[in-house]
Protein backbone atom coordinates (compact mmCIF):
# COMPACT_ATOMS: atom_id res chain seq x y z
CA MET A 1 39.39 82.28 81.93
CA ILE A 2 39.84 79.05 79.96
CA ALA A 3 36.90 77.75 77.94
CA SER A 4 36.11 74.74 80.16
CA ASP A 5 36.02 76.87 83.33
CA LEU A 6 33.89 79.54 81.68
CA LEU A 7 31.53 76.91 80.30
CA ALA A 8 31.08 75.32 83.72
CA GLN A 9 30.36 78.74 85.22
CA LEU A 10 27.86 79.76 82.53
CA GLN A 11 25.93 76.49 82.74
CA CYS A 12 25.59 76.77 86.52
CA HIS A 13 24.87 80.49 86.81
CA GLY A 14 23.19 81.20 83.47
CA VAL A 15 23.57 84.46 81.56
CA ARG A 16 21.65 87.73 81.86
CA TRP A 17 20.65 88.59 78.31
CA GLN A 18 18.20 91.33 77.47
CA GLY A 19 15.95 90.29 74.60
CA ALA A 20 16.75 86.58 75.00
CA GLU A 21 13.07 85.69 74.60
CA GLY A 22 13.56 85.46 70.87
CA LEU A 23 16.63 83.28 71.23
CA SER A 24 15.91 80.71 73.91
CA ARG A 25 14.02 77.46 74.04
CA LYS A 26 11.28 77.85 76.67
CA GLY A 27 9.70 74.85 78.37
CA GLY A 28 9.42 71.30 77.05
CA ALA A 29 11.66 68.31 77.60
CA GLY A 30 15.42 68.50 77.48
CA PRO A 31 17.42 71.75 77.87
CA SER A 32 14.59 74.21 78.57
CA ASP A 33 15.12 77.96 79.04
CA HIS A 34 18.46 77.62 77.21
CA LYS A 35 20.22 79.08 74.19
CA ALA A 36 22.99 77.47 72.16
CA LEU A 37 26.22 79.46 72.44
CA SER A 38 29.46 78.45 70.72
CA LEU A 39 32.73 78.95 72.61
CA GLY A 40 35.42 78.22 70.07
CA ALA A 41 34.82 74.71 68.69
CA HIS A 42 32.37 73.73 71.45
CA THR A 43 28.67 74.62 71.40
CA ALA A 44 26.93 74.72 74.77
CA MET A 45 23.34 75.01 75.88
CA VAL A 46 23.33 77.85 78.43
CA PRO A 47 20.34 78.89 80.60
CA MET A 48 19.29 82.48 80.10
CA LEU A 49 15.51 82.76 80.16
CA ASN A 50 14.73 81.47 83.66
CA ARG A 51 14.45 83.53 86.83
CA ALA A 52 17.47 81.74 88.26
CA SER A 53 19.64 83.46 85.63
CA LEU A 54 18.58 86.96 86.67
CA ASP A 55 21.11 87.04 89.51
CA SER A 56 23.93 85.60 87.41
CA PRO A 57 27.23 87.48 87.61
CA TYR A 58 27.48 86.95 83.84
CA SER A 59 25.85 89.13 81.21
CA ALA A 60 25.94 89.16 77.41
CA GLU A 61 26.09 92.00 74.93
CA PRO A 62 25.36 90.94 71.33
CA ASP A 63 27.03 92.78 68.48
CA ALA A 64 25.16 94.68 65.80
CA THR A 65 24.95 91.66 63.50
CA GLY A 66 23.48 89.39 66.17
CA GLY A 67 25.97 86.71 65.18
CA GLN A 68 28.14 86.89 68.27
CA ALA A 69 28.20 88.36 71.76
CA LEU A 70 30.68 89.37 74.41
CA ILE A 71 30.37 87.79 77.86
CA PHE A 72 31.03 89.99 80.90
CA ARG A 73 31.44 89.21 84.57
CA GLU A 74 30.86 92.21 86.81
CA GLY A 75 31.78 94.58 83.99
CA LEU A 76 34.92 92.78 82.83
CA GLN A 77 34.95 90.91 79.53
CA VAL A 78 35.71 87.22 80.08
CA GLY A 79 34.81 85.67 76.75
CA GLN A 80 33.19 85.83 73.35
CA VAL A 81 30.55 83.50 71.95
CA GLN A 82 29.00 82.86 68.56
CA LEU A 83 25.27 82.41 68.07
CA PRO A 84 24.00 79.67 65.77
CA GLY A 85 21.41 80.99 63.32
CA VAL A 86 17.80 79.90 62.87
CA PRO A 87 17.74 76.48 61.14
CA ASN A 88 16.52 76.48 57.54
CA PHE A 89 14.12 73.60 58.14
CA TYR A 90 12.18 75.75 60.66
CA SER A 91 10.61 77.61 57.71
CA LEU A 92 8.87 74.47 56.42
CA SER A 93 5.46 73.05 57.33
CA THR A 94 3.57 69.80 56.81
CA GLU A 95 0.67 69.56 54.39
CA ASP A 96 -1.76 70.23 57.24
CA GLY A 97 0.13 73.40 58.19
CA THR A 98 2.10 72.15 61.20
CA PRO A 99 5.48 73.94 61.33
CA TYR A 100 8.44 71.58 61.30
CA TRP A 101 9.84 73.27 64.43
CA LYS A 102 6.81 72.03 66.38
CA ILE A 103 7.74 68.46 65.43
CA ALA A 104 11.49 68.53 66.12
CA THR A 105 13.98 71.18 67.15
CA LEU A 106 17.66 71.87 66.70
CA HIS A 107 19.79 71.34 69.81
CA SER A 108 23.32 72.63 69.94
CA LYS A 109 24.39 73.16 66.29
CA ASP A 110 23.86 69.81 64.56
CA VAL A 111 21.50 67.66 66.66
CA LEU A 112 17.83 67.13 65.87
CA ALA A 113 15.68 66.43 68.93
CA THR A 114 12.07 65.49 69.45
CA THR A 115 9.74 64.40 72.23
CA VAL A 116 7.60 61.88 70.38
CA LEU A 117 4.87 61.82 73.03
CA GLN A 118 4.49 65.17 74.84
CA HIS A 119 2.63 63.59 77.74
CA CYS A 120 3.59 61.42 80.68
CA ILE A 121 1.48 59.33 83.04
CA ARG A 122 3.36 60.86 85.95
CA MET A 123 3.13 64.55 85.10
CA ASN A 124 -0.30 65.62 86.39
CA GLU A 125 -0.06 64.43 90.01
CA ALA A 126 2.28 65.89 92.62
CA ALA A 127 2.58 62.43 94.15
CA THR A 128 4.16 61.03 90.97
CA SER A 129 5.54 63.89 88.88
CA CYS A 130 9.23 64.64 88.44
CA GLN A 131 9.65 67.97 90.21
CA PHE A 132 12.08 69.35 87.62
CA CYS A 133 10.07 68.42 84.51
CA ALA A 134 8.58 70.96 82.09
CA ILE A 135 7.35 68.54 79.43
CA ASP A 136 3.85 70.06 79.47
CA GLN A 137 4.90 73.71 79.18
CA SER A 138 5.72 73.79 75.47
CA LEU A 139 2.48 71.95 74.68
CA THR A 140 0.40 74.35 76.76
CA SER A 141 2.03 77.34 75.06
CA GLY A 142 1.43 75.96 71.57
CA LYS A 143 5.13 75.44 70.82
CA THR A 144 4.73 71.76 69.98
CA ILE A 145 2.14 69.07 69.26
CA ALA A 146 1.09 66.25 71.56
CA ARG A 147 2.11 63.32 69.35
CA LYS A 148 4.61 63.35 66.53
CA ARG A 149 3.65 60.79 63.90
CA PRO A 150 6.30 58.65 62.20
CA ALA A 151 5.75 60.24 58.77
CA GLN A 152 6.08 63.73 60.25
CA LEU A 153 9.35 62.85 61.98
CA ALA A 154 10.71 61.32 58.79
CA ALA A 155 9.93 64.43 56.76
CA VAL A 156 11.50 66.78 59.32
CA ALA A 157 14.60 64.63 59.75
CA LYS A 158 15.15 64.45 56.00
CA ALA A 159 14.86 68.23 55.68
CA ALA A 160 17.12 68.89 58.68
CA VAL A 161 19.88 66.74 57.20
CA LYS A 162 19.55 68.24 53.73
CA LEU A 163 19.15 71.91 54.69
CA ASP A 164 21.10 72.20 57.94
CA GLY A 165 23.63 69.38 58.00
CA VAL A 166 22.20 67.69 61.09
CA LYS A 167 24.50 64.83 62.19
CA HIS A 168 22.41 62.79 64.64
CA MET A 169 18.99 62.70 66.30
CA VAL A 170 17.62 62.33 69.82
CA MET A 171 14.16 60.80 70.29
CA THR A 172 12.77 60.97 73.79
CA THR A 173 9.24 60.46 75.03
CA GLY A 174 6.97 61.00 77.96
CA THR A 175 6.15 57.70 79.64
CA PRO A 176 2.85 56.22 78.41
CA GLN A 177 0.65 53.88 80.40
CA THR A 178 2.07 50.78 78.74
CA PRO A 179 4.61 48.31 80.16
CA ASP A 180 7.11 49.06 77.38
CA ARG A 181 7.37 52.62 78.83
CA GLY A 182 7.51 54.24 75.41
CA ALA A 183 9.79 51.80 73.59
CA ALA A 184 7.06 50.81 71.13
CA ILE A 185 6.42 54.43 70.10
CA LEU A 186 10.15 54.97 69.68
CA CYS A 187 10.48 51.84 67.52
CA GLU A 188 7.89 52.96 64.98
CA SER A 189 9.30 56.49 64.93
CA ALA A 190 12.90 55.38 64.43
CA ALA A 191 11.91 52.92 61.70
CA ALA A 192 10.20 55.70 59.74
CA VAL A 193 13.15 58.09 60.04
CA THR A 194 15.81 55.54 59.11
CA ALA A 195 13.77 54.50 56.08
CA ALA A 196 13.76 58.12 54.89
CA VAL A 197 17.28 59.35 55.69
CA ASP A 198 20.67 58.12 56.89
CA LEU A 199 20.68 59.66 60.38
CA PRO A 200 21.99 57.99 63.57
CA ILE A 201 19.31 57.96 66.29
CA GLN A 202 19.47 57.76 70.06
CA ALA A 203 16.24 56.67 71.73
CA GLN A 204 15.47 57.61 75.33
CA CYS A 205 12.94 56.00 77.66
CA GLU A 206 12.56 54.46 81.07
CA PRO A 207 13.62 50.80 81.35
CA PRO A 208 10.88 48.78 79.63
CA ASP A 209 9.24 45.81 81.30
CA ASP A 210 10.97 43.31 79.03
CA ASP A 211 14.55 43.40 77.77
CA VAL A 212 13.37 42.18 74.36
CA TRP A 213 12.58 45.83 73.59
CA PHE A 214 16.29 46.58 73.30
CA GLU A 215 16.58 44.25 70.32
CA ARG A 216 13.43 45.73 68.83
CA LEU A 217 14.78 49.25 69.19
CA LYS A 218 18.03 48.27 67.51
CA ASP A 219 16.16 46.51 64.70
CA SER A 220 14.15 49.70 64.12
CA GLY A 221 17.33 51.69 63.48
CA VAL A 222 18.23 53.01 66.94
CA VAL A 223 22.03 53.01 67.37
CA SER A 224 22.34 54.18 70.98
CA LEU A 225 20.07 54.24 74.01
CA GLY A 226 19.52 56.57 76.94
CA MET A 227 17.83 55.49 80.18
CA HIS A 228 18.05 58.38 82.58
CA LEU A 229 18.60 58.10 86.32
CA GLU A 230 18.56 61.87 86.96
CA ALA A 231 19.26 61.27 90.68
CA VAL A 232 21.51 58.53 92.05
CA THR A 233 20.38 57.92 95.65
CA ASP A 234 17.05 56.51 96.77
CA GLU A 235 16.39 59.42 99.14
CA VAL A 236 16.74 62.05 96.42
CA ARG A 237 14.87 59.91 93.87
CA ARG A 238 11.87 59.52 96.19
CA ARG A 239 11.83 63.24 97.03
CA ILE A 240 12.42 64.69 93.55
CA MET A 241 10.73 62.14 91.27
CA PRO A 242 8.44 59.95 93.38
CA GLY A 243 6.70 58.23 90.47
CA LYS A 244 9.85 57.40 88.55
CA ALA A 245 11.48 56.20 91.79
CA GLU A 246 8.98 53.34 91.80
CA VAL A 247 11.22 51.83 89.12
CA PRO A 248 14.01 50.64 91.44
CA LEU A 249 17.69 51.22 90.82
CA GLN A 250 18.07 47.45 90.62
CA ARG A 251 15.87 47.46 87.49
CA TYR A 252 17.91 50.27 85.96
CA PHE A 253 21.09 48.28 86.42
CA SER A 254 19.68 45.06 85.00
CA ALA A 255 18.37 47.08 82.04
CA PHE A 256 21.76 48.78 81.56
CA GLU A 257 23.47 45.39 81.52
CA ALA A 258 21.02 43.98 78.98
CA ALA A 259 21.14 47.09 76.79
CA VAL A 260 24.95 47.17 76.66
CA LYS A 261 24.88 43.60 75.32
CA VAL A 262 22.64 44.80 72.47
CA PHE A 263 24.02 48.25 71.64
CA GLY A 264 27.63 47.78 72.69
CA HIS A 265 30.15 49.24 75.13
CA GLY A 266 29.68 53.00 75.41
CA GLN A 267 26.46 53.10 73.34
CA VAL A 268 24.19 53.19 76.41
CA SER A 269 24.10 56.34 78.51
CA THR A 270 22.27 57.88 81.42
CA TYR A 271 21.58 61.52 82.34
CA ILE A 272 22.49 62.58 85.89
CA LEU A 273 21.41 65.99 87.22
CA ALA A 274 23.99 67.32 89.67
CA GLY A 275 22.57 69.73 92.23
CA LEU A 276 19.33 67.96 93.21
CA GLY A 277 20.75 66.85 96.57
CA ASP A 278 23.05 63.94 95.76
CA SER A 279 26.52 64.41 97.24
CA GLU A 280 29.67 64.72 95.15
CA GLU A 281 30.79 61.34 96.50
CA ALA A 282 27.49 59.63 95.63
CA ILE A 283 27.55 60.94 92.06
CA ALA A 284 31.22 60.09 91.54
CA ASN A 285 30.72 56.56 92.90
CA MET A 286 27.66 56.01 90.71
CA CYS A 287 29.56 57.23 87.64
CA GLU A 288 32.38 54.80 88.36
CA ARG A 289 29.91 51.93 88.69
CA LEU A 290 28.17 52.89 85.44
CA ALA A 291 31.40 53.38 83.50
CA ARG A 292 32.62 49.97 84.64
CA MET A 293 29.49 48.49 83.03
CA GLY A 294 30.13 50.32 79.76
CA VAL A 295 27.40 52.92 80.41
CA TYR A 296 28.34 56.56 79.79
CA PRO A 297 27.27 58.73 82.78
CA PHE A 298 26.34 62.09 81.27
CA VAL A 299 26.43 64.48 84.23
CA VAL A 300 24.95 67.95 83.81
CA PRO A 301 24.28 70.80 86.25
CA PHE A 302 20.65 71.01 87.30
CA VAL A 303 18.85 74.09 85.95
CA PRO A 304 15.78 75.37 87.86
CA ILE A 305 12.98 75.81 85.29
CA ASP A 306 10.26 78.41 85.81
CA GLY A 307 6.81 77.01 86.40
CA THR A 308 8.04 73.77 87.97
CA PRO A 309 8.06 72.86 91.69
CA LEU A 310 11.85 73.31 91.66
CA ALA A 311 11.78 76.78 90.08
CA HIS A 312 13.32 78.27 93.24
CA HIS A 313 15.67 75.39 94.00
CA PRO A 314 19.27 76.57 94.43
CA LYS A 315 21.48 76.36 91.37
CA PRO A 316 24.42 73.95 91.67
CA ASP A 317 27.65 75.51 92.84
CA SER A 318 30.09 75.82 89.94
CA ALA A 319 32.92 74.77 92.28
CA PHE A 320 30.96 71.57 92.97
CA MET A 321 30.81 70.85 89.24
CA GLN A 322 34.48 71.69 88.71
CA ARG A 323 35.44 69.20 91.42
CA LEU A 324 33.10 66.57 90.02
CA TYR A 325 33.99 66.73 86.32
CA PRO A 326 37.64 65.57 86.71
CA ARG A 327 36.54 62.61 88.84
CA ILE A 328 34.00 61.52 86.22
CA GLY A 329 36.54 62.08 83.46
CA ALA A 330 38.94 59.74 85.23
CA SER A 331 36.24 57.05 85.36
CA LEU A 332 35.55 57.49 81.64
CA ARG A 333 39.23 57.10 80.75
CA ARG A 334 39.66 54.16 83.08
CA HIS A 335 36.89 52.23 81.34
CA GLY A 336 37.50 53.28 77.74
CA LEU A 337 34.53 55.60 77.30
CA HIS A 338 34.56 58.74 75.17
CA SER A 339 31.71 60.84 73.82
CA ASP A 340 33.23 60.91 70.33
CA ASN A 341 32.76 57.15 70.10
CA ILE A 342 29.03 57.30 70.84
CA ASN A 343 26.92 56.93 67.70
CA ALA A 344 24.22 59.46 68.62
CA GLY A 345 22.59 61.26 71.52
CA CYS A 346 22.98 63.70 74.39
CA ALA A 347 26.37 62.51 75.59
CA LYS A 348 27.78 62.63 72.05
CA CYS A 349 26.45 66.17 71.65
CA GLY A 350 27.71 67.19 75.10
CA ALA A 351 26.21 70.68 74.87
CA CYS A 352 24.48 70.60 78.27
CA SER A 353 27.65 69.82 80.22
CA ALA A 354 31.34 70.68 80.40
CA LEU A 355 32.18 66.97 80.78
CA LYS A 356 33.67 66.70 77.26
CA HIS A 357 36.58 68.87 78.42
CA TYR A 358 37.51 66.31 81.08
CA GLU A 359 37.38 63.02 79.13
């Protein structure tokens, strides 16, 4: 099985891995219930700690060193993966005793990621919450802190670059009850990090009320921006993320257009979760529209996360993803978009998707 096909399969089905509790990232924003696995030159975030992975046809057997593992499908070996080690900066703490890994974490093999505000105005009410979100889980379990201060983020980023060779950083945030939708918090955080260390930063938030925030984010040191659709049709948006759906698609597109003017062609991206109910045609058409605007559509397979309302939602069919990826890749090529040209962020990292193989 070639690497791109295996990767697409693993990210849809997950991997059964005994003892994965010590390896995986549980809860929180971003790729929850995942572990970074390297297949050749590509590192992927693969689900392995959620219930949905328990019926996966794939299993892993680590070697004695713990540095690599063999991947089996129904008893037959289909691949071999390497396991990135524990980052060196995880051993450090702030002066008040907060471990650095509670402030920011390593994603993939060289990406530093943080959720600056581990709270969202939408998360506590079923009528507004995103049904797939686990932003509160890592806070409840004591794996993170509620608010990462600019000085803390600067110290962790500096250490991660020096000790672990981190190449770029992702700053996301829960949505606060302010019209900027988190842009102000991201500005002060990015300014502190860029003053301390040379590290490209992608900021991620909902479209703010005023496009002036895009200039402010860039002035603070942000080099690329993510504004995430997650779902592409109004019906699925209203059903899966009723609060976020109150921000209409029309506003997303006006924000994309304004942001591309500030950050440049290909430096604005959006996350799309395939498997929530949007059809292959709807996703492909949306990706073509976005790519035409200069927005990179980062499409990833939806992963059901334990403890969320969608914990028992069906996993996306790997055949669905393998039909979709080439169509998106064609859109990217048609409009001159490539993940390698993005300055920082999820799409540049590419670890949560097999899309890089189809650019």
